């Protein structure tokens, strides 16, 4: 659409060994999920399920990514699924630390 207003946003995705930050010009009114789709990251990283992936804006999980409209300069974050529950990870670290202290 000629003359349609655009905004500039960023979309980020990270793996342990690779991080990608893209700057995109998108139509005003673009939602968080639409921005993730427009980024093209799903083609680059086939493991991403854009339609179901948790998404956030500036480090905060977005509860309504399909309806939340972006503003100029915002950063959309595509989150990977957790491999282990954070509470379980903390418990395992504590157990390992306790075992190391006991062995010393």
PDB file of N, CA and C in Angstrom:
ATOM      1  N   UNK A   1       0.847  -1.166   0.000  1.00  0.00           N
ATOM      2  CA  UNK A   1       0.000   0.000   0.000  1.00  0.00           C
ATOM      3  C   UNK A   1       0.898   1.236   0.000  1.00  0.00           C
ATOM      4  N   UNK A   2       0.804   2.047  -1.021  1.00  0.00           N
ATOM      5  CA  UNK A   2       1.648   3.229  -1.155  1.00  0.00           C
ATOM      6  C   UNK A   2       1.339   4.209  -0.030  1.00  0.00           C
ATOM      7  N   UNK A   3       2.404   4.764   0.566  1.00  0.00           N
ATOM      8  CA  UNK A   3       2.231   5.767   1.591  1.00  0.00           C
ATOM      9  C   UNK A   3       1.868   5.215   2.966  1.00  0.00           C
ATOM     10  N   UNK A   4       1.833   3.907   3.099  1.00  0.00           N
ATOM     11  CA  UNK A   4       1.498   3.321   4.402  1.00  0.00           C
ATOM     12  C   UNK A   4       2.625   3.628   5.385  1.00  0.00           C
ATOM     13  N   UNK A   5       2.258   3.968   6.594  1.00  0.00           N
ATOM     14  CA  UNK A   5       3.241   4.277   7.621  1.00  0.00           C
ATOM     15  C   UNK A   5       3.948   3.003   8.063  1.00  0.00           C
ATOM     16  N   UNK A   6       5.259   3.113   8.270  1.00  0.00           N
ATOM     17  CA  UNK A   6       6.025   1.984   8.779  1.00  0.00           C
ATOM     18  C   UNK A   6       6.714   2.391  10.077  1.00  0.00           C
ATOM     19  N   UNK A   7       7.056   1.385  10.854  1.00  0.00           N
ATOM     20  CA  UNK A   7       7.843   1.593  12.063  1.00  0.00           C
ATOM     21  C   UNK A   7       9.051   0.668  11.983  1.00  0.00           C
ATOM     22  N   UNK A   8      10.092   1.003  12.698  1.00  0.00           N
ATOM     23  CA  UNK A   8      11.289   0.160  12.752  1.00  0.00           C
ATOM     24  C   UNK A   8      11.301  -0.556  14.090  1.00  0.00           C
ATOM     25  N   UNK A   9      11.454  -1.872  14.027  1.00  0.00           N
ATOM     26  CA  UNK A   9      11.509  -2.709  15.225  1.00  0.00           C
ATOM     27  C   UNK A   9      12.684  -3.674  15.086  1.00  0.00           C
ATOM     28  N   UNK A  10      12.972  -4.406  16.135  1.00  0.00           N
ATOM     29  CA  UNK A  10      13.983  -5.454  16.092  1.00  0.00           C
ATOM     30  C   UNK A  10      13.340  -6.774  16.467  1.00  0.00           C
ATOM     31  N   UNK A  11      13.872  -7.844  15.897  1.00  0.00           N
ATOM     32  CA  UNK A  11      13.455  -9.198  16.267  1.00  0.00           C
ATOM     33  C   UNK A  11      14.724  -9.965  16.597  1.00  0.00           C
ATOM     34  N   UNK A  12      14.727 -10.644  17.745  1.00  0.00           N
ATOM     35  CA  UNK A  12      15.912 -11.385  18.169  1.00  0.00           C
ATOM     36  C   UNK A  12      15.568 -12.836  18.462  1.00  0.00           C
ATOM     37  N   UNK A  13      16.566 -13.687  18.230  1.00  0.00           N
ATOM     38  CA  UNK A  13      16.460 -15.106  18.558  1.00  0.00           C
ATOM     39  C   UNK A  13      17.853 -15.580  18.910  1.00  0.00           C
ATOM     40  N   UNK A  14      17.967 -16.390  19.932  1.00  0.00           N
ATOM     41  CA  UNK A  14      19.281 -16.849  20.330  1.00  0.00           C
ATOM     42  C   UNK A  14      19.318 -18.325  20.633  1.00  0.00           C
ATOM     43  N   UNK A  15      20.409 -18.925  20.215  1.00  0.00           N
ATOM     44  CA  UNK A  15      20.758 -20.303  20.566  1.00  0.00           C
ATOM     45  C   UNK A  15      22.032 -20.217  21.398  1.00  0.00           C
ATOM     46  N   UNK A  16      22.428 -21.283  22.066  1.00  0.00           N
ATOM     47  CA  UNK A  16      23.656 -21.205  22.863  1.00  0.00           C
ATOM     48  C   UNK A  16      24.873 -20.751  22.054  1.00  0.00           C
ATOM     49  N   UNK A  17      24.936 -21.104  20.775  1.00  0.00           N
ATOM     50  CA  UNK A  17      26.121 -20.781  19.974  1.00  0.00           C
ATOM     51  C   UNK A  17      25.872 -19.767  18.863  1.00  0.00           C
ATOM     52  N   UNK A  18      24.676 -19.229  18.782  1.00  0.00           N
ATOM     53  CA  UNK A  18      24.376 -18.257  17.725  1.00  0.00           C
ATOM     54  C   UNK A  18      23.220 -17.363  18.151  1.00  0.00           C
ATOM     55  N   UNK A  19      23.403 -16.068  17.962  1.00  0.00           N
ATOM     56  CA  UNK A  19      22.354 -15.107  18.256  1.00  0.00           C
ATOM     57  C   UNK A  19      22.128 -14.241  17.024  1.00  0.00           C
ATOM     58  N   UNK A  20      20.860 -13.924  16.772  1.00  0.00           N
ATOM     59  CA  UNK A  20      20.519 -13.107  15.606  1.00  0.00           C
ATOM     60  C   UNK A  20      19.660 -11.941  16.062  1.00  0.00           C
ATOM     61  N   UNK A  21      20.016 -10.739  15.624  1.00  0.00           N
ATOM     62  CA  UNK A  21      19.231  -9.545  15.866  1.00  0.00           C
ATOM     63  C   UNK A  21      18.992  -8.892  14.512  1.00  0.00           C
ATOM     64  N   UNK A  22      17.715  -8.775  14.160  1.00  0.00           N
ATOM     65  CA  UNK A  22      17.347  -8.170  12.879  1.00  0.00           C
ATOM     66  C   UNK A  22      16.609  -6.869  13.113  1.00  0.00           C
ATOM     67  N   UNK A  23      16.904  -5.870  12.312  1.00  0.00           N
ATOM     68  CA  UNK A  23      16.150  -4.626  12.322  1.00  0.00           C
ATOM     69  C   UNK A  23      15.199  -4.685  11.130  1.00  0.00           C
ATOM     70  N   UNK A  24      13.922  -4.449  11.384  1.00  0.00           N
ATOM     71  CA  UNK A  24      12.906  -4.545  10.332  1.00  0.00           C
ATOM     72  C   UNK A  24      12.053  -3.290  10.275  1.00  0.00           C
ATOM     73  N   UNK A  25      11.679  -2.904   9.070  1.00  0.00           N
ATOM     74  CA  UNK A  25      10.659  -1.875   8.869  1.00  0.00           C
ATOM     75  C   UNK A  25       9.367  -2.641   8.593  1.00  0.00           C
ATOM     76  N   UNK A  26       8.382  -2.443   9.459  1.00  0.00           N
ATOM     77  CA  UNK A  26       7.117  -3.168   9.344  1.00  0.00           C
ATOM     78  C   UNK A  26       5.978  -2.156   9.303  1.00  0.00           C
ATOM     79  N   UNK A  27       4.836  -2.565   8.761  1.00  0.00           N
ATOM     80  CA  UNK A  27       3.699  -1.637   8.741  1.00  0.00           C
ATOM     81  C   UNK A  27       3.249  -1.284  10.161  1.00  0.00           C
ATOM     82  N   UNK A  28       2.874  -0.033  10.369  1.00  0.00           N
ATOM     83  CA  UNK A  28       2.284   0.355  11.650  1.00  0.00           C
ATOM     84  C   UNK A  28       1.079  -0.551  11.883  1.00  0.00           C
ATOM     85  N   UNK A  29       0.900  -0.981  13.111  1.00  0.00           N
ATOM     86  CA  UNK A  29      -0.196  -1.886  13.426  1.00  0.00           C
ATOM     87  C   UNK A  29       0.214  -3.345  13.454  1.00  0.00           C
ATOM     88  N   UNK A  30       1.482  -3.633  13.174  1.00  0.00           N
ATOM     89  CA  UNK A  30       1.987  -5.012  13.198  1.00  0.00           C
ATOM     90  C   UNK A  30       1.985  -5.534  14.630  1.00  0.00           C
ATOM     91  N   UNK A  31       1.516  -6.771  14.793  1.00  0.00           N
ATOM     92  CA  UNK A  31       1.513  -7.383  16.124  1.00  0.00           C
ATOM     93  C   UNK A  31       2.844  -8.084  16.387  1.00  0.00           C
ATOM     94  N   UNK A  32       3.031  -8.473  17.628  1.00  0.00           N
ATOM     95  CA  UNK A  32       4.255  -9.181  18.029  1.00  0.00           C
ATOM     96  C   UNK A  32       4.424 -10.453  17.203  1.00  0.00           C
ATOM     97  N   UNK A  33       3.365 -11.248  17.074  1.00  0.00           N
ATOM     98  CA  UNK A  33       3.460 -12.514  16.327  1.00  0.00           C
ATOM     99  C   UNK A  33       3.724 -12.232  14.843  1.00  0.00           C
ATOM    100  N   UNK A  34       3.056 -11.221  14.277  1.00  0.00           N
ATOM    101  CA  UNK A  34       3.290 -10.894  12.866  1.00  0.00           C
ATOM    102  C   UNK A  34       4.734 -10.494  12.632  1.00  0.00           C
ATOM    103  N   UNK A  35       5.316  -9.745  13.549  1.00  0.00           N
ATOM    104  CA  UNK A  35       6.718  -9.342  13.415  1.00  0.00           C
ATOM    105  C   UNK A  35       7.629 -10.566  13.416  1.00  0.00           C
ATOM    106  N   UNK A  36       7.332 -11.529  14.281  1.00  0.00           N
ATOM    107  CA  UNK A  36       8.130 -12.756  14.310  1.00  0.00           C
ATOM    108  C   UNK A  36       8.032 -13.477  12.968  1.00  0.00           C
ATOM    109  N   UNK A  37       6.823 -13.521  12.407  1.00  0.00           N
ATOM    110  CA  UNK A  37       6.647 -14.151  11.086  1.00  0.00           C
ATOM    111  C   UNK A  37       7.434 -13.392  10.021  1.00  0.00           C
ATOM    112  N   UNK A  38       7.309 -12.057  10.023  1.00  0.00           N
ATOM    113  CA  UNK A  38       7.959 -11.227   9.005  1.00  0.00           C
ATOM    114  C   UNK A  38       9.484 -11.284   9.077  1.00  0.00           C
ATOM    115  N   UNK A  39      10.021 -11.665  10.234  1.00  0.00           N
ATOM    116  CA  UNK A  39      11.478 -11.684  10.410  1.00  0.00           C
ATOM    117  C   UNK A  39      12.167 -12.700   9.511  1.00  0.00           C
ATOM    118  N   UNK A  40      11.460 -13.765   9.123  1.00  0.00           N
ATOM    119  CA  UNK A  40      12.076 -14.813   8.318  1.00  0.00           C
ATOM    120  C   UNK A  40      12.938 -15.772   9.127  1.00  0.00           C
ATOM    121  N   UNK A  41      12.960 -15.606  10.446  1.00  0.00           N
ATOM    122  CA  UNK A  41      13.813 -16.470  11.263  1.00  0.00           C
ATOM    123  C   UNK A  41      13.364 -17.921  11.272  1.00  0.00           C
ATOM    124  N   UNK A  42      12.085 -18.175  11.044  1.00  0.00           N
ATOM    125  CA  UNK A  42      11.608 -19.568  11.008  1.00  0.00           C
ATOM    126  C   UNK A  42      12.240 -20.328   9.849  1.00  0.00           C
ATOM    127  N   UNK A  43      12.522 -19.641   8.746  1.00  0.00           N
ATOM    128  CA  UNK A  43      13.182 -20.301   7.612  1.00  0.00           C
ATOM    129  C   UNK A  43      14.652 -20.577   7.932  1.00  0.00           C
ATOM    130  N   UNK A  44      15.266 -19.678   8.676  1.00  0.00           N
ATOM    131  CA  UNK A  44      16.681 -19.831   9.022  1.00  0.00           C
ATOM    132  C   UNK A  44      16.879 -20.864  10.133  1.00  0.00           C
ATOM    133  N   UNK A  45      15.914 -20.941  11.048  1.00  0.00           N
ATOM    134  CA  UNK A  45      15.969 -21.870  12.169  1.00  0.00           C
ATOM    135  C   UNK A  45      14.694 -22.712  12.158  1.00  0.00           C
ATOM    136  N   UNK A  46      14.685 -23.821  11.421  1.00  0.00           N
ATOM    137  CA  UNK A  46      13.464 -24.628  11.269  1.00  0.00           C
ATOM    138  C   UNK A  46      12.875 -25.142  12.587  1.00  0.00           C
ATOM    139  N   UNK A  47      13.654 -25.175  13.647  1.00  0.00           N
ATOM    140  CA  UNK A  47      13.137 -25.660  14.924  1.00  0.00           C
ATOM    141  C   UNK A  47      12.163 -24.668  15.570  1.00  0.00           C
ATOM    142  N   UNK A  48      12.169 -23.410  15.107  1.00  0.00           N
ATOM    143  CA  UNK A  48      11.249 -22.414  15.675  1.00  0.00           C
ATOM    144  C   UNK A  48       9.844 -22.694  15.167  1.00  0.00           C
ATOM    145  N   UNK A  49       8.912 -22.757  16.083  1.00  0.00           N
ATOM    146  CA  UNK A  49       7.493 -22.852  15.742  1.00  0.00           C
ATOM    147  C   UNK A  49       6.880 -21.485  16.034  1.00  0.00           C
ATOM    148  N   UNK A  50       6.961 -20.587  15.058  1.00  0.00           N
ATOM    149  CA  UNK A  50       6.528 -19.202  15.240  1.00  0.00           C
ATOM    150  C   UNK A  50       5.080 -19.115  15.730  1.00  0.00           C
ATOM    151  N   UNK A  51       4.244 -20.022  15.271  1.00  0.00           N
ATOM    152  CA  UNK A  51       2.820 -19.938  15.633  1.00  0.00           C
ATOM    153  C   UNK A  51       2.555 -20.267  17.101  1.00  0.00           C
ATOM    154  N   UNK A  52       3.487 -20.974  17.746  1.00  0.00           N
ATOM    155  CA  UNK A  52       3.266 -21.381  19.133  1.00  0.00           C
ATOM    156  C   UNK A  52       4.382 -20.951  20.082  1.00  0.00           C
ATOM    157  N   UNK A  53       5.458 -20.418  19.540  1.00  0.00           N
ATOM    158  CA  UNK A  53       6.591 -20.025  20.380  1.00  0.00           C
ATOM    159  C   UNK A  53       6.196 -18.909  21.323  1.00  0.00           C
ATOM    160  N   UNK A  54       6.698 -18.969  22.565  1.00  0.00           N
ATOM    161  CA  UNK A  54       6.489 -17.825  23.450  1.00  0.00           C
ATOM    162  C   UNK A  54       7.277 -16.633  22.902  1.00  0.00           C
ATOM    163  N   UNK A  55       6.675 -15.460  22.964  1.00  0.00           N
ATOM    164  CA  UNK A  55       7.291 -14.242  22.456  1.00  0.00           C
ATOM    165  C   UNK A  55       7.282 -13.183  23.544  1.00  0.00           C
ATOM    166  N   UNK A  56       8.256 -12.303  23.486  1.00  0.00           N
ATOM    167  CA  UNK A  56       8.321 -11.222  24.459  1.00  0.00           C
ATOM    168  C   UNK A  56       8.726  -9.929  23.809  1.00  0.00           C
ATOM    169  N   UNK A  57       8.629  -8.867  24.580  1.00  0.00           N
ATOM    170  CA  UNK A  57       9.064  -7.543  24.144  1.00  0.00           C
ATOM    171  C   UNK A  57       9.967  -6.992  25.243  1.00  0.00           C
ATOM    172  N   UNK A  58      11.209  -6.697  24.886  1.00  0.00           N
ATOM    173  CA  UNK A  58      12.205  -6.171  25.826  1.00  0.00           C
ATOM    174  C   UNK A  58      12.293  -7.004  27.103  1.00  0.00           C
ATOM    175  N   UNK A  59      12.386  -8.332  26.958  1.00  0.00           N
ATOM    176  CA  UNK A  59      12.624  -9.203  28.092  1.00  0.00           C
ATOM    177  C   UNK A  59      11.404  -9.561  28.916  1.00  0.00           C
ATOM    178  N   UNK A  60      10.242  -9.130  28.498  1.00  0.00           N
ATOM    179  CA  UNK A  60       9.019  -9.444  29.237  1.00  0.00           C
ATOM    180  C   UNK A  60       8.115 -10.295  28.359  1.00  0.00           C
ATOM    181  N   UNK A  61       7.730 -11.470  28.867  1.00  0.00           N
ATOM    182  CA  UNK A  61       6.857 -12.361  28.122  1.00  0.00           C
ATOM    183  C   UNK A  61       5.569 -11.639  27.758  1.00  0.00           C
ATOM    184  N   UNK A  62       5.191 -11.723  26.500  1.00  0.00           N
ATOM    185  CA  UNK A  62       3.960 -11.086  26.020  1.00  0.00           C
ATOM    186  C   UNK A  62       2.830 -12.092  26.091  1.00  0.00           C
ATOM    187  N   UNK A  63       1.808 -11.789  26.886  1.00  0.00           N
ATOM    188  CA  UNK A  63       0.697 -12.717  27.081  1.00  0.00           C
ATOM    189  C   UNK A  63      -0.240 -12.765  25.883  1.00  0.00           C
ATOM    190  N   UNK A  64      -0.269 -11.718  25.076  1.00  0.00           N
ATOM    191  CA  UNK A  64      -1.185 -11.654  23.928  1.00  0.00           C
ATOM    192  C   UNK A  64      -0.431 -11.268  22.653  1.00  0.00           C
ATOM    193  N   UNK A  65       0.522 -12.110  22.205  1.00  0.00           N
ATOM    194  CA  UNK A  65       1.345 -11.730  21.049  1.00  0.00           C
ATOM    195  C   UNK A  65       0.561 -11.608  19.743  1.00  0.00           C
ATOM    196  N   UNK A  66      -0.619 -12.227  19.678  1.00  0.00           N
ATOM    197  CA  UNK A  66      -1.409 -12.161  18.449  1.00  0.00           C
ATOM    198  C   UNK A  66      -2.188 -10.859  18.325  1.00  0.00           C
ATOM    199  N   UNK A  67      -2.344 -10.141  19.424  1.00  0.00           N
ATOM    200  CA  UNK A  67      -3.103  -8.886  19.380  1.00  0.00           C
ATOM    201  C   UNK A  67      -2.300  -7.673  19.825  1.00  0.00           C
ATOM    202  N   UNK A  68      -1.183  -7.873  20.511  1.00  0.00           N
ATOM    203  CA  UNK A  68      -0.361  -6.769  21.014  1.00  0.00           C
ATOM    204  C   UNK A  68       0.337  -6.081  19.852  1.00  0.00           C
ATOM    205  N   UNK A  69       0.000  -4.808  19.632  1.00  0.00           N
ATOM    206  CA  UNK A  69       0.561  -4.031  18.529  1.00  0.00           C
ATOM    207  C   UNK A  69       1.873  -3.387  18.976  1.00  0.00           C
ATOM    208  N   UNK A  70       2.852  -3.458  18.095  1.00  0.00           N
ATOM    209  CA  UNK A  70       4.184  -2.923  18.393  1.00  0.00           C
ATOM    210  C   UNK A  70       4.252  -1.413  18.164  1.00  0.00           C
ATOM    211  N   UNK A  71       5.191  -0.798  18.879  1.00  0.00           N
ATOM    212  CA  UNK A  71       5.493   0.615  18.707  1.00  0.00           C
ATOM    213  C   UNK A  71       6.899   0.759  18.143  1.00  0.00           C
ATOM    214  N   UNK A  72       7.185   1.913  17.600  1.00  0.00           N
ATOM    215  CA  UNK A  72       8.505   2.234  17.047  1.00  0.00           C
ATOM    216  C   UNK A  72       9.594   1.872  18.051  1.00  0.00           C
ATOM    217  N   UNK A  73      10.627   1.153  17.557  1.00  0.00           N
ATOM    218  CA  UNK A  73      11.813   0.867  18.348  1.00  0.00           C
ATOM    219  C   UNK A  73      11.724  -0.318  19.291  1.00  0.00           C
ATOM    220  N   UNK A  74      10.597  -0.998  19.355  1.00  0.00           N
ATOM    221  CA  UNK A  74      10.498  -2.128  20.274  1.00  0.00           C
ATOM    222  C   UNK A  74      11.263  -3.334  19.737  1.00  0.00           C
ATOM    223  N   UNK A  75      11.639  -4.217  20.677  1.00  0.00           N
ATOM    224  CA  UNK A  75      12.388  -5.428  20.326  1.00  0.00           C
ATOM    225  C   UNK A  75      11.551  -6.656  20.665  1.00  0.00           C
ATOM    226  N   UNK A  76      11.248  -7.453  19.651  1.00  0.00           N
ATOM    227  CA  UNK A  76      10.517  -8.705  19.819  1.00  0.00           C
ATOM    228  C   UNK A  76      11.528  -9.817  20.056  1.00  0.00           C
ATOM    229  N   UNK A  77      11.269 -10.633  21.064  1.00  0.00           N
ATOM    230  CA  UNK A  77      12.158 -11.740  21.386  1.00  0.00           C
ATOM    231  C   UNK A  77      11.416 -13.054  21.191  1.00  0.00           C
ATOM    232  N   UNK A  78      12.021 -13.960  20.454  1.00  0.00           N
ATOM    233  CA  UNK A  78      11.460 -15.293  20.237  1.00  0.00           C
ATOM    234  C   UNK A  78      12.162 -16.219  21.219  1.00  0.00           C
ATOM    235  N   UNK A  79      11.384 -16.823  22.111  1.00  0.00           N
ATOM    236  CA  UNK A  79      11.963 -17.664  23.157  1.00  0.00           C
ATOM    237  C   UNK A  79      11.963 -19.133  22.753  1.00  0.00           C
ATOM    238  N   UNK A  80      13.022 -19.833  23.156  1.00  0.00           N
ATOM    239  CA  UNK A  80      13.108 -21.271  22.961  1.00  0.00           C
ATOM    240  C   UNK A  80      12.412 -21.959  24.125  1.00  0.00           C
ATOM    241  N   UNK A  81      11.907 -23.169  23.901  1.00  0.00           N
ATOM    242  CA  UNK A  81      11.314 -23.892  25.032  1.00  0.00           C
ATOM    243  C   UNK A  81      12.382 -24.238  26.061  1.00  0.00           C
ATOM    244  N   UNK A  82      11.986 -24.259  27.326  1.00  0.00           N
ATOM    245  CA  UNK A  82      12.920 -24.628  28.383  1.00  0.00           C
ATOM    246  C   UNK A  82      13.232 -26.113  28.297  1.00  0.00           C
ATOM    247  N   UNK A  83      14.497 -26.454  28.487  1.00  0.00           N
ATOM    248  CA  UNK A  83      14.895 -27.859  28.483  1.00  0.00           C
ATOM    249  C   UNK A  83      14.665 -28.497  29.841  1.00  0.00           C
ATOM    250  N   UNK A  84      14.688 -27.671  30.890  1.00  0.00           N
ATOM    251  CA  UNK A  84      14.489 -28.166  32.243  1.00  0.00           C
ATOM    252  C   UNK A  84      13.796 -27.057  33.034  1.00  0.00           C
ATOM    253  N   UNK A  85      12.940 -27.449  33.942  1.00  0.00           N
ATOM    254  CA  UNK A  85      12.250 -26.496  34.792  1.00  0.00           C
ATOM    255  C   UNK A  85      13.284 -25.729  35.626  1.00  0.00           C
ATOM    256  N   UNK A  86      13.180 -24.404  35.721  1.00  0.00           N
ATOM    257  CA  UNK A  86      14.181 -23.629  36.474  1.00  0.00           C
ATOM    258  C   UNK A  86      14.326 -24.067  37.931  1.00  0.00           C
ATOM    259  N   UNK A  87      13.239 -24.461  38.577  1.00  0.00           N
ATOM    260  CA  UNK A  87      13.327 -24.920  39.969  1.00  0.00           C
ATOM    261  C   UNK A  87      14.118 -26.221  40.051  1.00  0.00           C
ATOM    262  N   UNK A  88      13.890 -27.109  39.092  1.00  0.00           N
ATOM    263  CA  UNK A  88      14.630 -28.371  39.057  1.00  0.00           C
ATOM    264  C   UNK A  88      16.114 -28.111  38.806  1.00  0.00           C
ATOM    265  N   UNK A  89      16.430 -27.176  37.912  1.00  0.00           N
ATOM    266  CA  UNK A  89      17.828 -26.843  37.628  1.00  0.00           C
ATOM    267  C   UNK A  89      18.514 -26.307  38.881  1.00  0.00           C
ATOM    268  N   UNK A  90      17.835 -25.441  39.630  1.00  0.00           N
ATOM    269  CA  UNK A  90      18.389 -24.907  40.875  1.00  0.00           C
ATOM    270  C   UNK A  90      18.638 -26.028  41.889  1.00  0.00           C
ATOM    271  N   UNK A  91      17.679 -26.936  42.004  1.00  0.00           N
ATOM    272  CA  UNK A  91      17.818 -28.055  42.940  1.00  0.00           C
ATOM    273  C   UNK A  91      19.031 -28.908  42.579  1.00  0.00           C
ATOM    274  N   UNK A  92      19.200 -29.204  41.288  1.00  0.00           N
ATOM    275  CA  UNK A  92      20.336 -30.020  40.850  1.00  0.00           C
ATOM    276  C   UNK A  92      21.664 -29.312  41.108  1.00  0.00           C
ATOM    277  N   UNK A  93      21.721 -27.991  40.872  1.00  0.00           N
ATOM    278  CA  UNK A  93      22.957 -27.239  41.154  1.00  0.00           C
ATOM    279  C   UNK A  93      23.289 -27.288  42.648  1.00  0.00           C
ATOM    280  N   UNK A  94      22.255 -27.143  43.480  1.00  0.00           N
ATOM    281  CA  UNK A  94      22.470 -27.178  44.930  1.00  0.00           C
ATOM    282  C   UNK A  94      22.993 -28.542  45.358  1.00  0.00           C
ATOM    283  N   UNK A  95      22.442 -29.598  44.782  1.00  0.00           N
ATOM    284  CA  UNK A  95      22.914 -30.949  45.112  1.00  0.00           C
ATOM    285  C   UNK A  95      24.374 -31.134  44.707  1.00  0.00           C
ATOM    286  N   UNK A  96      24.747 -30.664  43.524  1.00  0.00           N
ATOM    287  CA  UNK A  96      26.136 -30.792  43.067  1.00  0.00           C
ATOM    288  C   UNK A  96      27.078 -29.996  43.968  1.00  0.00           C
ATOM    289  N   UNK A  97      26.667 -28.789  44.358  1.00  0.00           N
ATOM    290  CA  UNK A  97      27.499 -27.972  45.233  1.00  0.00           C
ATOM    291  C   UNK A  97      27.676 -28.639  46.589  1.00  0.00           C
ATOM    292  N   UNK A  98      26.602 -29.206  47.107  1.00  0.00           N
ATOM    293  CA  UNK A  98      26.671 -29.904  48.398  1.00  0.00           C
ATOM    294  C   UNK A  98      27.596 -31.111  48.295  1.00  0.00           C
ATOM    295  N   UNK A  99      27.520 -31.860  47.197  1.00  0.00           N
ATOM    296  CA  UNK A  99      28.385 -33.018  47.006  1.00  0.00           C
ATOM    297  C   UNK A  99      29.853 -32.597  46.921  1.00  0.00           C
ATOM    298  N   UNK A 100      30.129 -31.466  46.246  1.00  0.00           N
ATOM    299  CA  UNK A 100      31.518 -30.978  46.154  1.00  0.00           C
ATOM    300  C   UNK A 100      32.052 -30.562  47.525  1.00  0.00           C
ATOM    301  N   UNK A 101      31.207 -29.902  48.320  1.00  0.00           N
ATOM    302  CA  UNK A 101      31.636 -29.491  49.667  1.00  0.00           C
ATOM    303  C   UNK A 101      31.895 -30.711  50.540  1.00  0.00           C
ATOM    304  N   UNK A 102      31.082 -31.734  50.384  1.00  0.00           N
ATOM    305  CA  UNK A 102      31.261 -32.957  51.166  1.00  0.00           C
ATOM    306  C   UNK A 102      32.505 -33.731  50.789  1.00  0.00           C
ATOM    307  N   UNK A 103      32.921 -33.620  49.518  1.00  0.00           N
ATOM    308  CA  UNK A 103      34.092 -34.350  49.031  1.00  0.00           C
ATOM    309  C   UNK A 103      35.384 -33.649  49.389  1.00  0.00           C
ATOM    310  N   UNK A 104      35.317 -32.385  49.726  1.00  0.00           N
ATOM    311  CA  UNK A 104      36.534 -31.607  50.026  1.00  0.00           C
ATOM    312  C   UNK A 104      37.025 -31.821  51.427  1.00  0.00           C
TER     313      UNK A 104
END
